[in-house]
Amino acid sequence: MGEATLRLDDGLMEFLKRPLMSIIAAVDEEGRPAPARAIGFHVLEDQETIDVIFSGWQWPRLEPSIRATGKLAVTFVSPCDYVTYQVKGAASMRETDTCDLAQAERFMADATGALENLGVPSAIIAPWLTPREARVARLVVSEIYIQTPGPQAGMMTGARAR
């Protein structure tokens, strides 16, 4: 029997419209972490599935790890106030299309702008975010955690199970 999916609630959907940074991670068959930075994402209409874009060139271990284990964790953080959520679930890879590349460009521009507003020079930011050999992982959400520093960090959210 598969894992139950969770639907992202309206509050989390609003949060995901902010300029964000995102760290994603899978594990390989031996349990070794394969981390990466996301360069974009798109929540599908069902609000249970997220397509996450990353650079296969910069993070070459991520795609094989997703293909081997079928699992992924994605952490979204708002640089201006450190509000942070992590979503986890089953993952697969899909083909990258032109819409993904456009979404990545918007995400990278928004993230760069937010970080520059906080005083981070663009020359420092540029190596963090590259669309070179963009890949897309499809995550079906089964767990959502609050990761904002403070007393609620690590708690599961009250998203609706489906």
C-alpha atoms as a PDB file:
ATOM      1  CA  MET A   1       0.000   0.000   0.000  1.00  0.00           C
ATOM      2  CA  GLY A   2       1.389   3.439  -0.981  1.00  0.00           C
ATOM      3  CA  GLU A   3       1.898   6.386   1.305  1.00  0.00           C
ATOM      4  CA  ALA A   4      -1.024   8.743   1.870  1.00  0.00           C
ATOM      5  CA  THR A   5      -0.623  12.026   0.028  1.00  0.00           C
ATOM      6  CA  LEU A   6      -1.029  15.429   1.619  1.00  0.00           C
ATOM      7  CA  ARG A   7      -2.614  18.463   0.033  1.00  0.00           C
ATOM      8  CA  LEU A   8      -0.793  21.761   0.579  1.00  0.00           C
ATOM      9  CA  ASP A   9      -3.090  24.110   2.496  1.00  0.00           C
ATOM     10  CA  ASP A  10      -3.840  27.700   1.492  1.00  0.00           C
ATOM     11  CA  GLY A  11      -1.302  29.137   3.958  1.00  0.00           C
ATOM     12  CA  LEU A  12       1.523  27.043   2.561  1.00  0.00           C
ATOM     13  CA  MET A  13       0.447  27.832  -1.005  1.00  0.00           C
ATOM     14  CA  GLU A  14       0.693  31.561  -0.184  1.00  0.00           C
ATOM     15  CA  PHE A  15       4.118  31.039   1.407  1.00  0.00           C
ATOM     16  CA  LEU A  16       5.350  29.312  -1.765  1.00  0.00           C
ATOM     17  CA  LYS A  17       4.610  32.502  -3.761  1.00  0.00           C
ATOM     18  CA  ARG A  18       7.366  34.387  -1.875  1.00  0.00           C
ATOM     19  CA  PRO A  19      10.945  34.723  -3.124  1.00  0.00           C
ATOM     20  CA  LEU A  20      12.511  31.559  -1.685  1.00  0.00           C
ATOM     21  CA  MET A  21      15.672  29.525  -1.506  1.00  0.00           C
ATOM     22  CA  SER A  22      15.324  25.752  -1.614  1.00  0.00           C
ATOM     23  CA  ILE A  23      17.542  22.844  -0.625  1.00  0.00           C
ATOM     24  CA  ILE A  24      16.596  19.390  -1.860  1.00  0.00           C
ATOM     25  CA  ALA A  25      17.993  16.021  -0.914  1.00  0.00           C
ATOM     26  CA  ALA A  26      17.676  12.361  -1.683  1.00  0.00           C
ATOM     27  CA  VAL A  27      19.672   9.391  -0.469  1.00  0.00           C
ATOM     28  CA  ASP A  28      21.381   6.767  -2.564  1.00  0.00           C
ATOM     29  CA  GLU A  29      20.960   3.016  -2.137  1.00  0.00           C
ATOM     30  CA  GLU A  30      23.578   3.001   0.653  1.00  0.00           C
ATOM     31  CA  GLY A  31      21.810   5.819   2.518  1.00  0.00           C
ATOM     32  CA  ARG A  32      24.387   8.496   1.618  1.00  0.00           C
ATOM     33  CA  PRO A  33      22.831  11.956   1.196  1.00  0.00           C
ATOM     34  CA  ALA A  34      22.670  13.558  -2.237  1.00  0.00           C
ATOM     35  CA  PRO A  35      21.902  17.247  -1.581  1.00  0.00           C
ATOM     36  CA  ALA A  36      21.273  20.020  -4.108  1.00  0.00           C
ATOM     37  CA  ARG A  37      19.896  23.516  -4.451  1.00  0.00           C
ATOM     38  CA  ALA A  38      16.624  23.873  -6.297  1.00  0.00           C
ATOM     39  CA  ILE A  39      16.489  26.457  -9.055  1.00  0.00           C
ATOM     40  CA  GLY A  40      12.720  26.448  -9.311  1.00  0.00           C
ATOM     41  CA  PHE A  41       9.532  24.556  -8.604  1.00  0.00           C
ATOM     42  CA  HIS A  42       5.907  24.351  -9.606  1.00  0.00           C
ATOM     43  CA  VAL A  43       2.999  23.060  -7.502  1.00  0.00           C
ATOM     44  CA  LEU A  44       0.621  21.058  -9.659  1.00  0.00           C
ATOM     45  CA  GLU A  45      -3.110  21.765  -9.671  1.00  0.00           C
ATOM     46  CA  ASP A  46      -3.815  18.880  -7.261  1.00  0.00           C
ATOM     47  CA  GLN A  47      -1.754  20.745  -4.588  1.00  0.00           C
ATOM     48  CA  GLU A  48      -0.254  17.347  -3.670  1.00  0.00           C
ATOM     49  CA  THR A  49       2.524  17.237  -6.259  1.00  0.00           C
ATOM     50  CA  ILE A  50       5.525  19.534  -6.704  1.00  0.00           C
ATOM     51  CA  ASP A  51       7.873  19.558  -9.679  1.00  0.00           C
ATOM     52  CA  VAL A  52      11.306  20.644  -8.426  1.00  0.00           C
ATOM     53  CA  ILE A  53      13.948  21.900 -10.857  1.00  0.00           C
ATOM     54  CA  PHE A  54      17.684  21.509 -10.203  1.00  0.00           C
ATOM     55  CA  SER A  55      20.970  21.557 -12.110  1.00  0.00           C
ATOM     56  CA  GLY A  56      22.043  18.045 -13.048  1.00  0.00           C
ATOM     57  CA  TRP A  57      25.440  19.487 -13.951  1.00  0.00           C
ATOM     58  CA  GLN A  58      25.988  21.039 -10.513  1.00  0.00           C
ATOM     59  CA  TRP A  59      24.384  18.195  -8.538  1.00  0.00           C
ATOM     60  CA  PRO A  60      25.112  14.983 -10.521  1.00  0.00           C
ATOM     61  CA  ARG A  61      24.354  12.548  -7.654  1.00  0.00           C
ATOM     62  CA  LEU A  62      20.774  13.708  -7.100  1.00  0.00           C
ATOM     63  CA  GLU A  63      19.050  12.239 -10.177  1.00  0.00           C
ATOM     64  CA  PRO A  64      20.569   8.738  -9.811  1.00  0.00           C
ATOM     65  CA  SER A  65      19.660   8.760  -6.104  1.00  0.00           C
ATOM     66  CA  ILE A  66      16.032   9.672  -6.849  1.00  0.00           C
ATOM     67  CA  ARG A  67      15.866   6.991  -9.515  1.00  0.00           C
ATOM     68  CA  ALA A  68      17.353   4.412  -7.102  1.00  0.00           C
ATOM     69  CA  THR A  69      15.263   5.140  -3.999  1.00  0.00           C
ATOM     70  CA  GLY A  70      12.196   7.056  -5.204  1.00  0.00           C
ATOM     71  CA  LYS A  71      12.319   9.477  -2.264  1.00  0.00           C
ATOM     72  CA  LEU A  72      12.950  13.207  -1.933  1.00  0.00           C
ATOM     73  CA  ALA A  73      12.896  15.966   0.697  1.00  0.00           C
ATOM     74  CA  VAL A  74      12.553  19.628  -0.278  1.00  0.00           C
ATOM     75  CA  THR A  75      13.124  22.517   2.133  1.00  0.00           C
ATOM     76  CA  PHE A  76      11.807  25.974   1.274  1.00  0.00           C
ATOM     77  CA  VAL A  77      13.123  29.000   3.186  1.00  0.00           C
ATOM     78  CA  SER A  78      12.204  32.662   2.969  1.00  0.00           C
ATOM     79  CA  PRO A  79      15.547  34.526   3.188  1.00  0.00           C
ATOM     80  CA  CYS A  80      13.996  37.688   4.666  1.00  0.00           C
ATOM     81  CA  ASP A  81      12.580  36.046   7.822  1.00  0.00           C
ATOM     82  CA  TYR A  82      13.753  32.373   7.811  1.00  0.00           C
ATOM     83  CA  VAL A  83      10.212  30.994   7.704  1.00  0.00           C
ATOM     84  CA  THR A  84      10.916  27.445   6.568  1.00  0.00           C
ATOM     85  CA  TYR A  85       8.957  24.338   5.561  1.00  0.00           C
ATOM     86  CA  GLN A  86      10.128  20.902   4.502  1.00  0.00           C
ATOM     87  CA  VAL A  87       8.093  18.515   2.367  1.00  0.00           C
ATOM     88  CA  LYS A  88       8.909  14.852   1.834  1.00  0.00           C
ATOM     89  CA  GLY A  89       7.526  12.052  -0.251  1.00  0.00           C
ATOM     90  CA  ALA A  90       7.828   9.708  -3.178  1.00  0.00           C
ATOM     91  CA  ALA A  91       9.726  11.062  -6.163  1.00  0.00           C
ATOM     92  CA  SER A  92      10.421  10.296  -9.785  1.00  0.00           C
ATOM     93  CA  MET A  93      12.155  12.093 -12.626  1.00  0.00           C
ATOM     94  CA  ARG A  94      10.409  13.586 -15.645  1.00  0.00           C
ATOM     95  CA  GLU A  95      11.556  15.291 -18.830  1.00  0.00           C
ATOM     96  CA  THR A  96      12.460  18.989 -18.593  1.00  0.00           C
ATOM     97  CA  ASP A  97      10.474  21.329 -20.855  1.00  0.00           C
ATOM     98  CA  THR A  98      10.599  25.027 -21.766  1.00  0.00           C
ATOM     99  CA  CYS A  99       8.051  25.938 -19.056  1.00  0.00           C
ATOM    100  CA  ASP A 100      10.436  24.502 -16.459  1.00  0.00           C
ATOM    101  CA  LEU A 101      13.293  26.633 -17.782  1.00  0.00           C
ATOM    102  CA  ALA A 102      11.118  29.765 -17.641  1.00  0.00           C
ATOM    103  CA  GLN A 103      10.058  28.909 -14.075  1.00  0.00           C
ATOM    104  CA  ALA A 104      13.713  28.396 -13.112  1.00  0.00           C
ATOM    105  CA  GLU A 105      14.647  31.813 -14.509  1.00  0.00           C
ATOM    106  CA  ARG A 106      11.863  33.478 -12.463  1.00  0.00           C
ATOM    107  CA  PHE A 107      12.823  31.584  -9.300  1.00  0.00           C
ATOM    108  CA  MET A 108      16.524  32.437  -9.674  1.00  0.00           C
ATOM    109  CA  ALA A 109      15.756  36.125 -10.350  1.00  0.00           C
ATOM    110  CA  ASP A 110      13.424  36.339  -7.324  1.00  0.00           C
ATOM    111  CA  ALA A 111      15.899  34.547  -5.033  1.00  0.00           C
ATOM    112  CA  THR A 112      18.784  36.702  -6.235  1.00  0.00           C
ATOM    113  CA  GLY A 113      16.750  39.883  -5.682  1.00  0.00           C
ATOM    114  CA  ALA A 114      15.745  38.819  -2.172  1.00  0.00           C
ATOM    115  CA  LEU A 115      19.326  37.986  -1.220  1.00  0.00           C
ATOM    116  CA  GLU A 116      20.688  41.210  -2.749  1.00  0.00           C
ATOM    117  CA  ASN A 117      18.120  43.159  -0.690  1.00  0.00           C
ATOM    118  CA  LEU A 118      19.666  41.516   2.377  1.00  0.00           C
ATOM    119  CA  GLY A 119      23.139  42.682   1.319  1.00  0.00           C
ATOM    120  CA  VAL A 120      24.473  39.534  -0.336  1.00  0.00           C
ATOM    121  CA  PRO A 121      26.513  40.520  -3.440  1.00  0.00           C
ATOM    122  CA  SER A 122      25.256  39.019  -6.710  1.00  0.00           C
ATOM    123  CA  ALA A 123      28.768  37.688  -7.455  1.00  0.00           C
ATOM    124  CA  ILE A 124      28.434  35.428  -4.419  1.00  0.00           C
ATOM    125  CA  ILE A 125      24.902  34.300  -5.330  1.00  0.00           C
ATOM    126  CA  ALA A 126      25.532  33.445  -9.003  1.00  0.00           C
ATOM    127  CA  PRO A 127      27.394  30.127  -8.408  1.00  0.00           C
ATOM    128  CA  TRP A 128      24.548  28.879  -6.183  1.00  0.00           C
ATOM    129  CA  LEU A 129      21.936  29.082  -8.919  1.00  0.00           C
ATOM    130  CA  THR A 130      22.585  27.686 -12.385  1.00  0.00           C
ATOM    131  CA  PRO A 131      20.114  26.186 -14.867  1.00  0.00           C
ATOM    132  CA  ARG A 132      22.856  24.201 -16.603  1.00  0.00           C
ATOM    133  CA  GLU A 133      21.527  20.717 -17.490  1.00  0.00           C
ATOM    134  CA  ALA A 134      18.233  21.448 -15.719  1.00  0.00           C
ATOM    135  CA  ARG A 135      16.397  18.373 -14.438  1.00  0.00           C
ATOM    136  CA  VAL A 136      12.932  17.980 -12.901  1.00  0.00           C
ATOM    137  CA  ALA A 137      12.023  15.747  -9.977  1.00  0.00           C
ATOM    138  CA  ARG A 138       8.319  15.152  -9.339  1.00  0.00           C
ATOM    139  CA  LEU A 139       7.531  14.903  -5.618  1.00  0.00           C
ATOM    140  CA  VAL A 140       4.232  13.495  -4.331  1.00  0.00           C
ATOM    141  CA  VAL A 141       3.898  15.027  -0.868  1.00  0.00           C
ATOM    142  CA  SER A 142       3.317  12.659   2.061  1.00  0.00           C
ATOM    143  CA  GLU A 143       4.873  14.685   4.925  1.00  0.00           C
ATOM    144  CA  ILE A 144       5.076  18.423   5.669  1.00  0.00           C
ATOM    145  CA  TYR A 145       7.124  19.888   8.517  1.00  0.00           C
ATOM    146  CA  ILE A 146       7.543  23.350   9.975  1.00  0.00           C
ATOM    147  CA  GLN A 147      11.294  24.055  10.063  1.00  0.00           C
ATOM    148  CA  THR A 148      11.254  27.732  11.034  1.00  0.00           C
ATOM    149  CA  PRO A 149      13.698  28.159  13.943  1.00  0.00           C
ATOM    150  CA  GLY A 150      11.767  28.243  17.206  1.00  0.00           C
ATOM    151  CA  PRO A 151       9.452  26.141  19.338  1.00  0.00           C
ATOM    152  CA  GLN A 152       7.521  24.611  16.405  1.00  0.00           C
ATOM    153  CA  ALA A 153      10.608  23.521  14.433  1.00  0.00           C
ATOM    154  CA  GLY A 154      10.312  19.871  13.437  1.00  0.00           C
ATOM    155  CA  MET A 155       6.542  19.658  13.958  1.00  0.00           C
ATOM    156  CA  MET A 156       4.328  18.226  11.248  1.00  0.00           C
ATOM    157  CA  THR A 157       1.793  20.662   9.788  1.00  0.00           C
ATOM    158  CA  GLY A 158      -1.916  20.123   9.843  1.00  0.00           C
ATOM    159  CA  ALA A 159      -2.213  19.590   6.086  1.00  0.00           C
ATOM    160  CA  ARG A 160      -5.121  17.423   4.990  1.00  0.00           C
ATOM    161  CA  ALA A 161      -4.434  13.786   4.194  1.00  0.00           C
ATOM    162  CA  ARG A 162      -5.979  12.456   0.984  1.00  0.00           C
END
